[in-house]
Amino acid sequence: MGEIGRVSVYDALGGGAVADTLLWRKCYGGVVVLIVSTVIWFLFERAGYNFLAFVANALLLVVVILFFWAKSASLLNRPLPPIPDLDISEESVLATADEMRVWVNNALSTMHEIAVDGNLRTLILVAFGLWLISYIGSLFNFLTLIYIGILLSLSVPFLYDTFQPQVDDKLLVVHKNLSTVFKKADLILQNIPMSRKKEKKIE
């Protein structure tokens, strides 16, 4: 597989700060995310700290600090806390809604392929994905799954970006083999005669 047509991992991740963090191009961001997520996971999983109590106490501490900071700033003629305008723009809401619409349409399209078109490949992929999620979910609780997801997000993109040519070659072979299997399965299904009930409806 040549270099032509190969997608940049950095561009695929959207570029900017997120891509820099996931690909460890700015180690500071990756280290911060890793340390914070590890501390949170340790507090809730090992130390037995309650998530709701942690959030409430953290917000209480932040609110109290900001309140006394603002009061002391007005008395001592010091600058106010550097807090941006807490306002959600209409553009960000529309962008979020548009992104959600794309995800929902993709899910509905997948359901249509399975229920109406009878696409065996889509059915197998969806069934395998749901089974895999169910199996993994039975092994770990939700917080541990999120922590594992963060660890994978900080490792898989970086490893793929480092070994992209080798990985792409392996994925191409796997894709060809799966395509062959699905084509054979489609041919088998096409040779299965329709039930009499369906034939009557067609007539």
Protein backbone atom coordinates (compact mmCIF):
# COMPACT_ATOMS: atom_id res chain seq x y z
CA MET A 1 0.00 0.00 0.00
CA GLY A 2 1.68 3.19 -1.09
CA GLU A 3 1.84 6.60 0.40
CA ILE A 4 -0.69 7.94 -2.13
CA GLY A 5 -4.17 8.12 -0.66
CA ARG A 6 -3.03 7.56 2.93
CA VAL A 7 -4.98 9.71 5.34
CA SER A 8 -3.06 11.72 7.92
CA VAL A 9 -3.95 10.67 11.46
CA TYR A 10 -3.52 14.27 12.62
CA ASP A 11 -6.03 15.53 10.04
CA ALA A 12 -8.42 12.65 10.77
CA LEU A 13 -8.51 13.70 14.43
CA GLY A 14 -9.49 17.23 13.44
CA GLY A 15 -6.13 18.83 14.10
CA GLY A 16 -5.65 21.41 16.82
CA ALA A 17 -5.27 20.78 20.55
CA VAL A 18 -7.18 17.48 20.57
CA ALA A 19 -4.96 15.91 17.91
CA ASP A 20 -1.84 17.29 19.59
CA THR A 21 -2.90 15.70 22.88
CA LEU A 22 -3.90 12.30 21.46
CA LEU A 23 -0.73 12.06 19.35
CA TRP A 24 1.50 13.35 22.17
CA ARG A 25 2.84 16.19 20.02
CA LYS A 26 2.41 18.40 23.07
CA CYS A 27 3.30 16.15 25.97
CA TYR A 28 1.87 18.56 28.52
CA GLY A 29 -1.73 17.97 27.43
CA GLY A 30 -1.36 14.18 27.32
CA VAL A 31 0.31 14.08 30.73
CA VAL A 32 -2.40 16.25 32.29
CA VAL A 33 -5.21 14.10 30.86
CA LEU A 34 -3.47 10.90 31.96
CA ILE A 35 -2.77 12.12 35.50
CA VAL A 36 -6.24 13.61 36.04
CA SER A 37 -8.04 10.53 34.72
CA THR A 38 -5.83 8.23 36.80
CA VAL A 39 -6.44 10.24 39.98
CA ILE A 40 -10.21 10.31 39.39
CA TRP A 41 -10.28 6.56 38.68
CA PHE A 42 -8.22 5.83 41.80
CA LEU A 43 -10.42 8.01 44.02
CA PHE A 44 -13.67 6.38 42.90
CA GLU A 45 -12.52 2.80 42.30
CA ARG A 46 -9.87 2.21 44.96
CA ALA A 47 -10.47 4.82 47.64
CA GLY A 48 -14.25 4.33 47.50
CA TYR A 49 -15.03 8.03 47.12
CA ASN A 50 -18.59 8.85 46.06
CA PHE A 51 -18.83 10.50 42.63
CA LEU A 52 -21.76 12.77 43.52
CA ALA A 53 -20.10 13.90 46.75
CA PHE A 54 -16.85 14.56 44.89
CA VAL A 55 -18.56 16.70 42.24
CA ALA A 56 -20.58 18.63 44.84
CA ASN A 57 -17.55 19.31 47.04
CA ALA A 58 -15.41 20.33 44.07
CA LEU A 59 -18.07 22.75 42.80
CA LEU A 60 -18.56 24.11 46.33
CA LEU A 61 -14.84 24.75 46.66
CA VAL A 62 -14.67 26.48 43.28
CA VAL A 63 -17.72 28.65 44.00
CA VAL A 64 -16.40 29.73 47.42
CA ILE A 65 -12.96 30.55 46.01
CA LEU A 66 -14.45 32.60 43.18
CA PHE A 67 -16.78 34.44 45.55
CA PHE A 68 -14.03 35.52 47.95
CA TRP A 69 -11.72 36.29 45.02
CA ALA A 70 -14.33 38.63 43.53
CA LYS A 71 -15.01 40.30 46.90
CA SER A 72 -11.34 40.82 47.68
CA ALA A 73 -10.72 42.10 44.15
CA SER A 74 -13.38 44.82 44.54
CA LEU A 75 -11.98 45.85 47.93
CA LEU A 76 -8.31 45.81 46.98
CA ASN A 77 -8.76 47.07 43.41
CA ARG A 78 -7.39 43.84 42.03
CA PRO A 79 -8.48 42.14 38.76
CA LEU A 80 -11.53 39.91 38.86
CA PRO A 81 -11.28 36.13 38.33
CA PRO A 82 -10.35 35.36 34.70
CA ILE A 83 -13.65 33.71 33.84
CA PRO A 84 -14.95 33.97 30.25
CA ASP A 85 -18.54 34.88 29.48
CA LEU A 86 -20.62 31.87 30.48
CA ASP A 87 -22.80 31.89 27.41
CA ILE A 88 -23.50 29.14 24.89
CA SER A 89 -23.63 30.59 21.40
CA GLU A 90 -26.32 29.66 18.93
CA GLU A 91 -23.65 28.51 16.47
CA SER A 92 -22.27 25.94 18.92
CA VAL A 93 -25.75 24.61 19.64
CA LEU A 94 -26.52 24.29 15.92
CA ALA A 95 -23.17 22.60 15.29
CA THR A 96 -23.82 20.10 18.10
CA ALA A 97 -27.35 19.43 16.87
CA ASP A 98 -26.08 18.94 13.32
CA GLU A 99 -23.46 16.45 14.53
CA MET A 100 -26.10 14.55 16.51
CA ARG A 101 -28.35 14.51 13.45
CA VAL A 102 -25.58 12.83 11.46
CA TRP A 103 -25.16 10.13 14.13
CA VAL A 104 -28.92 9.53 14.37
CA ASN A 105 -29.29 9.33 10.58
CA ASN A 106 -26.44 6.83 10.40
CA ALA A 107 -28.13 4.70 13.09
CA LEU A 108 -31.48 4.85 11.27
CA SER A 109 -29.78 4.01 7.97
CA THR A 110 -28.17 0.97 9.60
CA MET A 111 -31.54 -0.15 10.98
CA HIS A 112 -33.07 0.27 7.51
CA GLU A 113 -30.34 -1.85 5.92
CA ILE A 114 -31.02 -4.65 8.42
CA ALA A 115 -34.83 -4.55 8.66
CA VAL A 116 -35.79 -3.59 5.09
CA ASP A 117 -32.88 -4.44 2.81
CA GLY A 118 -31.89 -7.59 4.71
CA ASN A 119 -28.19 -6.76 4.55
CA LEU A 120 -26.39 -9.72 6.13
CA ARG A 121 -23.06 -7.92 6.38
CA THR A 122 -24.56 -5.04 8.36
CA LEU A 123 -26.45 -7.46 10.61
CA ILE A 124 -23.32 -9.44 11.42
CA LEU A 125 -21.25 -6.32 12.09
CA VAL A 126 -23.93 -4.77 14.33
CA ALA A 127 -24.57 -8.03 16.17
CA PHE A 128 -20.85 -8.58 16.74
CA GLY A 129 -20.37 -4.98 17.91
CA LEU A 130 -23.27 -5.15 20.37
CA TRP A 131 -22.13 -8.54 21.64
CA LEU A 132 -18.59 -7.21 22.13
CA ILE A 133 -19.87 -4.16 24.03
CA SER A 134 -22.05 -6.39 26.21
CA TYR A 135 -19.17 -8.77 26.92
CA ILE A 136 -16.73 -5.99 27.80
CA GLY A 137 -19.40 -4.27 29.92
CA SER A 138 -19.84 -7.45 31.96
CA LEU A 139 -16.13 -7.44 32.84
CA PHE A 140 -15.78 -3.83 33.99
CA ASN A 141 -17.96 -1.16 35.53
CA PHE A 142 -18.79 2.07 33.72
CA LEU A 143 -16.06 4.24 35.27
CA THR A 144 -13.37 1.66 34.53
CA LEU A 145 -14.59 1.47 30.93
CA ILE A 146 -14.27 5.25 30.61
CA TYR A 147 -10.76 5.10 32.07
CA ILE A 148 -9.79 2.31 29.66
CA GLY A 149 -11.23 4.37 26.82
CA ILE A 150 -9.05 7.33 27.84
CA LEU A 151 -5.97 5.12 27.98
CA LEU A 152 -6.76 3.71 24.53
CA SER A 153 -7.36 7.23 23.18
CA LEU A 154 -3.92 8.26 24.40
CA SER A 155 -2.18 5.18 23.00
CA VAL A 156 -3.94 3.78 19.89
CA PRO A 157 -3.80 6.99 17.74
CA PHE A 158 -0.14 7.50 18.67
CA LEU A 159 0.80 3.89 17.85
CA TYR A 160 -1.20 3.96 14.61
CA ASP A 161 0.44 7.23 13.56
CA THR A 162 3.86 5.69 14.28
CA PHE A 163 3.27 2.39 12.47
CA GLN A 164 0.61 3.49 9.96
CA PRO A 165 2.11 1.85 6.81
CA GLN A 166 2.41 -1.58 8.46
CA VAL A 167 -1.03 -1.38 10.07
CA ASP A 168 -2.67 -0.23 6.82
CA ASP A 169 -1.20 -3.21 4.97
CA LYS A 170 -2.57 -5.65 7.57
CA LEU A 171 -5.98 -3.97 7.58
CA LEU A 172 -6.13 -4.16 3.79
CA VAL A 173 -5.55 -7.93 3.91
CA VAL A 174 -8.22 -8.34 6.62
CA HIS A 175 -10.67 -6.21 4.62
CA LYS A 176 -10.16 -8.32 1.49
CA ASN A 177 -10.69 -11.57 3.43
CA LEU A 178 -13.85 -10.25 5.10
CA SER A 179 -15.21 -9.02 1.77
CA THR A 180 -14.72 -12.49 0.30
CA VAL A 181 -16.53 -14.11 3.24
CA PHE A 182 -19.46 -11.67 3.03
CA LYS A 183 -19.79 -12.15 -0.73
CA LYS A 184 -20.03 -15.91 -0.27
CA ALA A 185 -22.62 -15.45 2.47
CA ASP A 186 -24.67 -13.12 0.23
CA LEU A 187 -24.62 -15.70 -2.56
CA ILE A 188 -25.85 -18.38 -0.16
CA LEU A 189 -28.71 -16.16 1.01
CA GLN A 190 -29.69 -15.32 -2.56
CA ASN A 191 -30.05 -19.02 -3.33
CA ILE A 192 -32.45 -19.56 -0.42
CA PRO A 193 -36.03 -19.52 -1.80
CA MET A 194 -38.53 -17.05 -0.39
CA SER A 195 -41.29 -18.30 1.85
CA ARG A 196 -44.73 -18.86 0.41
CA LYS A 197 -46.07 -15.97 2.45
CA LYS A 198 -43.73 -13.55 0.72
CA GLU A 199 -44.52 -15.05 -2.68
CA LYS A 200 -48.24 -14.47 -2.14
CA LYS A 201 -47.60 -10.86 -1.22
CA ILE A 202 -45.56 -10.37 -4.37
CA GLU A 203 -48.32 -11.87 -6.50
